[in-house]
Amino acid sequence: MNHIELFAEIDAPPAVVWEVLLEFDSYPEWNPFVRAIEGVPVEGERLRVRIRPPGSRAVTFRPKVTAIEENRRFVWQGRLGIPFAFDGYHEFHLEPIDGGKRTRLLHRETFRGALVPLLFDRERLERGFREMNEALGERAERRAAVEA
């Protein structure tokens, strides 16, 4: 089992960060890592997610939404092919800080399966997560400034 876990502090309330996170149609405009998401963020639904880790080719997979809590948590589980070959459990957690004026974002993925030692590229994935977190923060902060 391997995992990536990154935190970011965003100068926008959780509701604004959540709004940006779930606006899948706009991902190609701002998200350098998750290039597209199609589907509905509802527990039990399948999404179509296209990622492009830095320096790698794009990959598309169909994860299942396993948890969603408005303004707090969005989780999906995906797999490459058959179960337990290369499974990923992807999580976004939003925590209000500074009286709800700001957000602490936890962006985490846990990988399991027989192919993890062959396919898991920590450096590229961490860089992709970091770039996405920065872009999400910038977009949410701009929106919060306009709404203020």
N, C-alpha and C. Protein backbone atom coordinates (compact mmCIF):
# COMPACT_ATOMS: atom_id res chain seq x y z
N MET A 1 0.84 -1.18 0.00
CA MET A 1 0.00 0.00 0.00
C MET A 1 0.89 1.25 0.00
N ASN A 2 0.55 2.21 -0.83
CA ASN A 2 1.24 3.49 -0.89
C ASN A 2 0.21 4.60 -0.83
N HIS A 3 0.62 5.73 -0.32
CA HIS A 3 -0.33 6.85 -0.32
C HIS A 3 0.40 8.17 -0.49
N ILE A 4 -0.38 9.13 -0.98
CA ILE A 4 0.07 10.51 -1.12
C ILE A 4 -0.89 11.34 -0.30
N GLU A 5 -0.36 12.27 0.47
CA GLU A 5 -1.18 13.10 1.32
C GLU A 5 -0.58 14.50 1.35
N LEU A 6 -1.32 15.46 0.82
CA LEU A 6 -0.86 16.85 0.80
C LEU A 6 -1.93 17.75 1.40
N PHE A 7 -1.47 18.77 2.11
CA PHE A 7 -2.35 19.77 2.70
C PHE A 7 -2.11 21.11 2.02
N ALA A 8 -3.15 21.92 1.95
CA ALA A 8 -3.03 23.29 1.46
C ALA A 8 -3.98 24.16 2.26
N GLU A 9 -3.57 25.38 2.54
CA GLU A 9 -4.46 26.35 3.18
C GLU A 9 -4.88 27.36 2.13
N ILE A 10 -6.19 27.57 2.05
CA ILE A 10 -6.78 28.39 1.00
C ILE A 10 -7.53 29.56 1.65
N ASP A 11 -7.28 30.76 1.15
CA ASP A 11 -7.92 31.96 1.68
C ASP A 11 -9.32 32.14 1.07
N ALA A 12 -10.16 31.15 1.31
CA ALA A 12 -11.56 31.18 0.86
C ALA A 12 -12.34 30.23 1.77
N PRO A 13 -13.60 30.51 2.02
CA PRO A 13 -14.42 29.63 2.86
C PRO A 13 -14.62 28.25 2.20
N PRO A 14 -14.85 27.21 3.00
CA PRO A 14 -15.07 25.88 2.44
C PRO A 14 -16.16 25.82 1.37
N ALA A 15 -17.23 26.60 1.52
CA ALA A 15 -18.32 26.56 0.53
C ALA A 15 -17.83 27.01 -0.84
N VAL A 16 -16.92 27.96 -0.89
CA VAL A 16 -16.38 28.44 -2.17
C VAL A 16 -15.43 27.40 -2.76
N VAL A 17 -14.58 26.83 -1.93
CA VAL A 17 -13.65 25.79 -2.39
C VAL A 17 -14.46 24.60 -2.92
N TRP A 18 -15.49 24.23 -2.21
CA TRP A 18 -16.37 23.12 -2.61
C TRP A 18 -17.00 23.39 -3.97
N GLU A 19 -17.49 24.59 -4.13
CA GLU A 19 -18.13 24.99 -5.40
C GLU A 19 -17.16 24.81 -6.57
N VAL A 20 -15.93 25.28 -6.40
CA VAL A 20 -14.91 25.15 -7.46
C VAL A 20 -14.57 23.68 -7.69
N LEU A 21 -14.42 22.92 -6.61
CA LEU A 21 -14.06 21.50 -6.72
C LEU A 21 -15.10 20.70 -7.50
N LEU A 22 -16.38 21.05 -7.35
CA LEU A 22 -17.44 20.28 -8.00
C LEU A 22 -17.90 20.85 -9.35
N GLU A 23 -17.29 21.92 -9.80
CA GLU A 23 -17.61 22.46 -11.14
C GLU A 23 -16.77 21.73 -12.18
N PHE A 24 -17.15 20.50 -12.44
CA PHE A 24 -16.37 19.63 -13.33
C PHE A 24 -16.20 20.23 -14.73
N ASP A 25 -17.22 20.92 -15.23
CA ASP A 25 -17.15 21.47 -16.58
C ASP A 25 -15.99 22.45 -16.76
N SER A 26 -15.56 23.09 -15.69
CA SER A 26 -14.50 24.09 -15.81
C SER A 26 -13.09 23.51 -15.60
N TYR A 27 -12.97 22.24 -15.26
CA TYR A 27 -11.65 21.66 -15.00
C TYR A 27 -10.63 21.91 -16.11
N PRO A 28 -10.99 21.77 -17.39
CA PRO A 28 -9.99 22.01 -18.43
C PRO A 28 -9.41 23.43 -18.41
N GLU A 29 -10.16 24.40 -17.86
CA GLU A 29 -9.70 25.79 -17.80
C GLU A 29 -8.61 26.00 -16.76
N TRP A 30 -8.65 25.27 -15.66
CA TRP A 30 -7.77 25.60 -14.56
C TRP A 30 -6.98 24.44 -13.98
N ASN A 31 -7.42 23.20 -14.18
CA ASN A 31 -6.83 22.08 -13.45
C ASN A 31 -5.73 21.41 -14.29
N PRO A 32 -4.47 21.54 -13.86
CA PRO A 32 -3.37 20.95 -14.64
C PRO A 32 -3.21 19.45 -14.45
N PHE A 33 -3.86 18.87 -13.46
CA PHE A 33 -3.69 17.46 -13.14
C PHE A 33 -4.92 16.63 -13.53
N VAL A 34 -6.08 16.97 -12.96
CA VAL A 34 -7.32 16.30 -13.34
C VAL A 34 -7.90 17.12 -14.48
N ARG A 35 -7.69 16.66 -15.68
CA ARG A 35 -8.04 17.44 -16.88
C ARG A 35 -9.53 17.43 -17.17
N ALA A 36 -10.25 16.40 -16.71
CA ALA A 36 -11.69 16.34 -16.97
C ALA A 36 -12.35 15.36 -16.01
N ILE A 37 -13.57 15.71 -15.61
CA ILE A 37 -14.44 14.80 -14.88
C ILE A 37 -15.81 14.91 -15.51
N GLU A 38 -16.38 13.77 -15.82
CA GLU A 38 -17.76 13.71 -16.31
C GLU A 38 -18.56 12.86 -15.34
N GLY A 39 -19.80 13.27 -15.10
CA GLY A 39 -20.65 12.52 -14.20
C GLY A 39 -21.21 13.42 -13.12
N VAL A 40 -21.91 12.78 -12.20
CA VAL A 40 -22.59 13.49 -11.12
C VAL A 40 -21.97 13.10 -9.79
N PRO A 41 -21.59 14.07 -8.96
CA PRO A 41 -20.97 13.75 -7.67
C PRO A 41 -22.00 13.31 -6.63
N VAL A 42 -22.50 12.09 -6.83
CA VAL A 42 -23.50 11.51 -5.93
C VAL A 42 -23.00 10.13 -5.52
N GLU A 43 -23.11 9.82 -4.24
CA GLU A 43 -22.64 8.53 -3.75
C GLU A 43 -23.24 7.39 -4.57
N GLY A 44 -22.38 6.46 -4.99
CA GLY A 44 -22.79 5.32 -5.77
C GLY A 44 -22.67 5.52 -7.28
N GLU A 45 -22.54 6.77 -7.72
CA GLU A 45 -22.43 7.06 -9.15
C GLU A 45 -21.00 6.85 -9.64
N ARG A 46 -20.89 6.52 -10.92
CA ARG A 46 -19.59 6.38 -11.56
C ARG A 46 -19.25 7.67 -12.29
N LEU A 47 -18.00 8.07 -12.18
CA LEU A 47 -17.50 9.24 -12.88
C LEU A 47 -16.58 8.77 -14.00
N ARG A 48 -16.30 9.64 -14.91
CA ARG A 48 -15.27 9.41 -15.92
C ARG A 48 -14.21 10.48 -15.66
N VAL A 49 -13.03 10.07 -15.21
CA VAL A 49 -11.98 10.99 -14.79
C VAL A 49 -10.77 10.82 -15.69
N ARG A 50 -10.25 11.95 -16.16
CA ARG A 50 -9.04 11.94 -17.00
C ARG A 50 -7.97 12.74 -16.27
N ILE A 51 -6.87 12.07 -15.93
CA ILE A 51 -5.76 12.74 -15.27
C ILE A 51 -4.55 12.77 -16.20
N ARG A 52 -3.69 13.76 -15.98
CA ARG A 52 -2.43 13.83 -16.71
C ARG A 52 -1.35 14.24 -15.72
N PRO A 53 -0.69 13.25 -15.10
CA PRO A 53 0.41 13.59 -14.20
C PRO A 53 1.51 14.31 -14.96
N PRO A 54 2.21 15.24 -14.32
CA PRO A 54 3.29 15.96 -14.99
C PRO A 54 4.29 15.00 -15.63
N GLY A 55 4.61 15.25 -16.88
CA GLY A 55 5.59 14.43 -17.56
C GLY A 55 5.11 13.05 -17.98
N SER A 56 3.81 12.80 -17.87
CA SER A 56 3.25 11.49 -18.22
C SER A 56 2.11 11.67 -19.21
N ARG A 57 1.70 10.55 -19.77
CA ARG A 57 0.55 10.59 -20.66
C ARG A 57 -0.73 10.58 -19.84
N ALA A 58 -1.81 11.03 -20.48
CA ALA A 58 -3.10 11.08 -19.81
C ALA A 58 -3.67 9.68 -19.65
N VAL A 59 -4.42 9.49 -18.56
CA VAL A 59 -5.07 8.22 -18.26
C VAL A 59 -6.52 8.53 -17.91
N THR A 60 -7.44 7.71 -18.42
CA THR A 60 -8.86 7.86 -18.10
C THR A 60 -9.33 6.62 -17.36
N PHE A 61 -10.10 6.83 -16.29
CA PHE A 61 -10.65 5.71 -15.52
C PHE A 61 -12.05 6.08 -15.06
N ARG A 62 -12.76 5.08 -14.52
CA ARG A 62 -14.16 5.26 -14.12
C ARG A 62 -14.36 4.91 -12.64
N PRO A 63 -14.01 5.84 -11.77
CA PRO A 63 -14.17 5.56 -10.34
C PRO A 63 -15.63 5.70 -9.89
N LYS A 64 -15.90 5.12 -8.75
CA LYS A 64 -17.22 5.19 -8.14
C LYS A 64 -17.15 6.15 -6.95
N VAL A 65 -18.10 7.07 -6.86
CA VAL A 65 -18.18 8.00 -5.73
C VAL A 65 -18.58 7.19 -4.50
N THR A 66 -17.74 7.20 -3.47
CA THR A 66 -18.03 6.41 -2.27
C THR A 66 -18.48 7.25 -1.08
N ALA A 67 -18.23 8.56 -1.13
CA ALA A 67 -18.69 9.44 -0.04
C ALA A 67 -18.74 10.87 -0.55
N ILE A 68 -19.76 11.57 -0.11
CA ILE A 68 -19.86 12.99 -0.43
C ILE A 68 -20.60 13.67 0.72
N GLU A 69 -19.97 14.68 1.29
CA GLU A 69 -20.57 15.48 2.36
C GLU A 69 -20.36 16.93 1.97
N GLU A 70 -21.43 17.62 1.70
CA GLU A 70 -21.36 18.99 1.20
C GLU A 70 -20.43 19.86 2.02
N ASN A 71 -19.56 20.56 1.32
CA ASN A 71 -18.58 21.49 1.90
C ASN A 71 -17.56 20.81 2.81
N ARG A 72 -17.50 19.47 2.81
CA ARG A 72 -16.59 18.78 3.73
C ARG A 72 -15.74 17.70 3.07
N ARG A 73 -16.37 16.81 2.27
CA ARG A 73 -15.66 15.61 1.84
C ARG A 73 -16.20 15.07 0.52
N PHE A 74 -15.26 14.69 -0.36
CA PHE A 74 -15.59 14.10 -1.66
C PHE A 74 -14.59 12.96 -1.87
N VAL A 75 -15.11 11.74 -2.05
CA VAL A 75 -14.25 10.55 -2.12
C VAL A 75 -14.69 9.66 -3.28
N TRP A 76 -13.72 9.14 -4.01
CA TRP A 76 -14.03 8.15 -5.02
C TRP A 76 -13.04 7.00 -4.94
N GLN A 77 -13.46 5.85 -5.45
CA GLN A 77 -12.58 4.69 -5.53
C GLN A 77 -12.53 4.22 -6.98
N GLY A 78 -11.31 4.12 -7.49
CA GLY A 78 -11.13 3.69 -8.86
C GLY A 78 -10.21 2.50 -8.93
N ARG A 79 -10.22 1.85 -10.08
CA ARG A 79 -9.31 0.72 -10.26
C ARG A 79 -8.92 0.63 -11.71
N LEU A 80 -7.77 0.07 -11.90
CA LEU A 80 -7.26 -0.18 -13.24
C LEU A 80 -7.50 -1.65 -13.53
N GLY A 81 -8.50 -1.92 -14.36
CA GLY A 81 -8.80 -3.31 -14.70
C GLY A 81 -9.51 -4.04 -13.58
N ILE A 82 -8.98 -5.18 -13.22
CA ILE A 82 -9.62 -6.04 -12.23
C ILE A 82 -9.34 -5.57 -10.81
N PRO A 83 -10.22 -5.91 -9.86
CA PRO A 83 -10.00 -5.52 -8.47
C PRO A 83 -8.65 -6.03 -7.93
N PHE A 84 -8.05 -5.20 -7.12
CA PHE A 84 -6.80 -5.49 -6.42
C PHE A 84 -5.58 -5.58 -7.33
N ALA A 85 -5.71 -5.10 -8.58
CA ALA A 85 -4.54 -4.99 -9.44
C ALA A 85 -3.88 -3.64 -9.18
N PHE A 86 -4.67 -2.57 -9.30
CA PHE A 86 -4.19 -1.21 -9.01
C PHE A 86 -5.41 -0.39 -8.65
N ASP A 87 -5.71 -0.32 -7.37
CA ASP A 87 -6.88 0.39 -6.87
C ASP A 87 -6.45 1.69 -6.21
N GLY A 88 -7.23 2.74 -6.43
CA GLY A 88 -6.95 4.02 -5.80
C GLY A 88 -8.16 4.54 -5.05
N TYR A 89 -7.93 5.02 -3.85
CA TYR A 89 -8.98 5.60 -3.01
C TYR A 89 -8.63 7.08 -2.86
N HIS A 90 -9.35 7.95 -3.58
CA HIS A 90 -9.01 9.37 -3.70
C HIS A 90 -9.93 10.20 -2.82
N GLU A 91 -9.35 11.11 -2.03
CA GLU A 91 -10.13 11.89 -1.07
C GLU A 91 -9.79 13.37 -1.12
N PHE A 92 -10.82 14.19 -0.99
CA PHE A 92 -10.68 15.62 -0.75
C PHE A 92 -11.43 15.90 0.55
N HIS A 93 -10.74 16.49 1.52
CA HIS A 93 -11.37 16.88 2.78
C HIS A 93 -11.19 18.39 2.95
N LEU A 94 -12.27 19.09 3.28
CA LEU A 94 -12.23 20.52 3.51
C LEU A 94 -12.53 20.78 4.98
N GLU A 95 -11.65 21.52 5.61
CA GLU A 95 -11.83 21.85 7.03
C GLU A 95 -11.83 23.36 7.18
N PRO A 96 -12.89 23.93 7.81
CA PRO A 96 -12.89 25.37 8.01
C PRO A 96 -11.84 25.77 9.05
N ILE A 97 -11.14 26.86 8.76
CA ILE A 97 -10.18 27.42 9.73
C ILE A 97 -10.41 28.93 9.80
N ASP A 98 -9.87 29.54 10.81
CA ASP A 98 -10.02 30.99 11.02
C ASP A 98 -11.49 31.39 11.02
N GLY A 99 -12.29 30.66 11.79
CA GLY A 99 -13.71 30.99 11.90
C GLY A 99 -14.50 30.75 10.63
N GLY A 100 -14.00 29.88 9.77
CA GLY A 100 -14.71 29.55 8.53
C GLY A 100 -14.38 30.47 7.36
N LYS A 101 -13.48 31.42 7.58
CA LYS A 101 -13.09 32.33 6.50
C LYS A 101 -12.08 31.70 5.55
N ARG A 102 -11.39 30.69 6.02
CA ARG A 102 -10.36 30.01 5.23
C ARG A 102 -10.61 28.51 5.28
N THR A 103 -9.88 27.76 4.43
CA THR A 103 -10.07 26.32 4.33
C THR A 103 -8.72 25.60 4.37
N ARG A 104 -8.69 24.53 5.12
CA ARG A 104 -7.55 23.61 5.05
C ARG A 104 -8.01 22.43 4.18
N LEU A 105 -7.31 22.23 3.09
CA LEU A 105 -7.61 21.16 2.16
C LEU A 105 -6.66 20.00 2.40
N LEU A 106 -7.22 18.82 2.55
CA LEU A 106 -6.44 17.58 2.55
C LEU A 106 -6.77 16.87 1.24
N HIS A 107 -5.75 16.60 0.47
CA HIS A 107 -5.89 15.90 -0.82
C HIS A 107 -5.05 14.63 -0.69
N ARG A 108 -5.72 13.47 -0.71
CA ARG A 108 -5.02 12.22 -0.41
C ARG A 108 -5.49 11.11 -1.35
N GLU A 109 -4.56 10.22 -1.66
CA GLU A 109 -4.92 9.00 -2.38
C GLU A 109 -4.11 7.85 -1.82
N THR A 110 -4.81 6.74 -1.63
CA THR A 110 -4.19 5.50 -1.16
C THR A 110 -4.27 4.49 -2.29
N PHE A 111 -3.14 3.88 -2.60
CA PHE A 111 -3.06 2.91 -3.70
C PHE A 111 -2.80 1.53 -3.13
N ARG A 112 -3.52 0.54 -3.67
CA ARG A 112 -3.34 -0.86 -3.27
C ARG A 112 -3.38 -1.73 -4.50
N GLY A 113 -2.73 -2.87 -4.42
CA GLY A 113 -2.82 -3.85 -5.49
C GLY A 113 -1.48 -4.36 -5.97
N ALA A 114 -1.56 -5.46 -6.70
CA ALA A 114 -0.36 -6.15 -7.16
C ALA A 114 0.48 -5.30 -8.11
N LEU A 115 -0.15 -4.39 -8.87
CA LEU A 115 0.60 -3.60 -9.85
C LEU A 115 1.14 -2.28 -9.30
N VAL A 116 0.84 -1.97 -8.05
CA VAL A 116 1.30 -0.72 -7.46
C VAL A 116 2.83 -0.58 -7.55
N PRO A 117 3.61 -1.59 -7.23
CA PRO A 117 5.07 -1.42 -7.33
C PRO A 117 5.54 -1.08 -8.74
N LEU A 118 4.80 -1.48 -9.75
CA LEU A 118 5.19 -1.21 -11.14
C LEU A 118 4.67 0.12 -11.66
N LEU A 119 3.49 0.56 -11.22
CA LEU A 119 2.83 1.71 -11.81
C LEU A 119 2.84 2.97 -10.96
N PHE A 120 3.12 2.86 -9.68
CA PHE A 120 3.04 4.00 -8.76
C PHE A 120 4.29 4.87 -8.93
N ASP A 121 4.08 6.11 -9.35
CA ASP A 121 5.17 7.07 -9.52
C ASP A 121 4.93 8.23 -8.55
N ARG A 122 5.43 8.08 -7.35
CA ARG A 122 5.17 9.05 -6.28
C ARG A 122 5.54 10.48 -6.69
N GLU A 123 6.70 10.66 -7.27
CA GLU A 123 7.16 12.01 -7.59
C GLU A 123 6.20 12.73 -8.55
N ARG A 124 5.80 12.08 -9.61
CA ARG A 124 4.90 12.72 -10.58
C ARG A 124 3.51 12.94 -10.01
N LEU A 125 3.01 11.97 -9.27
CA LEU A 125 1.67 12.12 -8.69
C LEU A 125 1.65 13.23 -7.63
N GLU A 126 2.66 13.27 -6.77
CA GLU A 126 2.72 14.34 -5.76
C GLU A 126 2.78 15.70 -6.43
N ARG A 127 3.57 15.81 -7.48
CA ARG A 127 3.66 17.08 -8.20
C ARG A 127 2.29 17.44 -8.80
N GLY A 128 1.60 16.45 -9.36
CA GLY A 128 0.27 16.70 -9.90
C GLY A 128 -0.72 17.14 -8.84
N PHE A 129 -0.69 16.49 -7.69
CA PHE A 129 -1.57 16.88 -6.58
C PHE A 129 -1.26 18.31 -6.16
N ARG A 130 0.03 18.62 -6.00
CA ARG A 130 0.45 19.95 -5.55
C ARG A 130 -0.01 21.02 -6.56
N GLU A 131 0.18 20.75 -7.86
CA GLU A 131 -0.24 21.71 -8.88
C GLU A 131 -1.75 21.90 -8.87
N MET A 132 -2.50 20.81 -8.68
CA MET A 132 -3.95 20.93 -8.61
C MET A 132 -4.36 21.74 -7.38
N ASN A 133 -3.77 21.44 -6.23
CA ASN A 133 -4.11 22.17 -5.00
C ASN A 133 -3.86 23.67 -5.17
N GLU A 134 -2.71 24.02 -5.77
CA GLU A 134 -2.39 25.44 -5.98
C GLU A 134 -3.41 26.09 -6.91
N ALA A 135 -3.75 25.42 -7.99
CA ALA A 135 -4.71 25.98 -8.95
C ALA A 135 -6.11 26.08 -8.34
N LEU A 136 -6.51 25.09 -7.57
CA LEU A 136 -7.80 25.13 -6.88
C LEU A 136 -7.83 26.31 -5.92
N GLY A 137 -6.75 26.48 -5.16
CA GLY A 137 -6.67 27.59 -4.22
C GLY A 137 -6.75 28.94 -4.91
N GLU A 138 -6.02 29.10 -5.99
CA GLU A 138 -6.04 30.37 -6.72
C GLU A 138 -7.43 30.68 -7.25
N ARG A 139 -8.08 29.69 -7.81
CA ARG A 139 -9.42 29.91 -8.38
C ARG A 139 -10.43 30.24 -7.28
N ALA A 140 -10.38 29.50 -6.17
CA ALA A 140 -11.30 29.75 -5.05
C ALA A 140 -11.04 31.11 -4.42
N GLU A 141 -9.77 31.47 -4.26
CA GLU A 141 -9.45 32.78 -3.66
C GLU A 141 -9.92 33.94 -4.54
N ARG A 142 -9.78 33.80 -5.87
CA ARG A 142 -10.28 34.85 -6.78
C ARG A 142 -11.80 34.97 -6.65
N ARG A 143 -12.48 33.82 -6.59
CA ARG A 143 -13.94 33.84 -6.48
C ARG A 143 -14.38 34.45 -5.16
N ALA A 144 -13.69 34.08 -4.08
CA ALA A 144 -14.05 34.63 -2.76
C ALA A 144 -13.85 36.13 -2.71
N ALA A 145 -12.79 36.62 -3.37
CA ALA A 145 -12.53 38.07 -3.39
C ALA A 145 -13.63 38.82 -4.14
N VAL A 146 -14.13 38.24 -5.21
CA VAL A 146 -15.21 38.85 -6.00
C VAL A 146 -16.51 38.86 -5.20
N GLU A 147 -16.76 37.77 -4.47
CA GLU A 147 -18.01 37.66 -3.69
C GLU A 147 -18.00 38.50 -2.43
N ALA A 148 -16.82 38.93 -1.98
CA ALA A 148 -16.72 39.70 -0.72
C ALA A 148 -17.25 41.11 -0.86
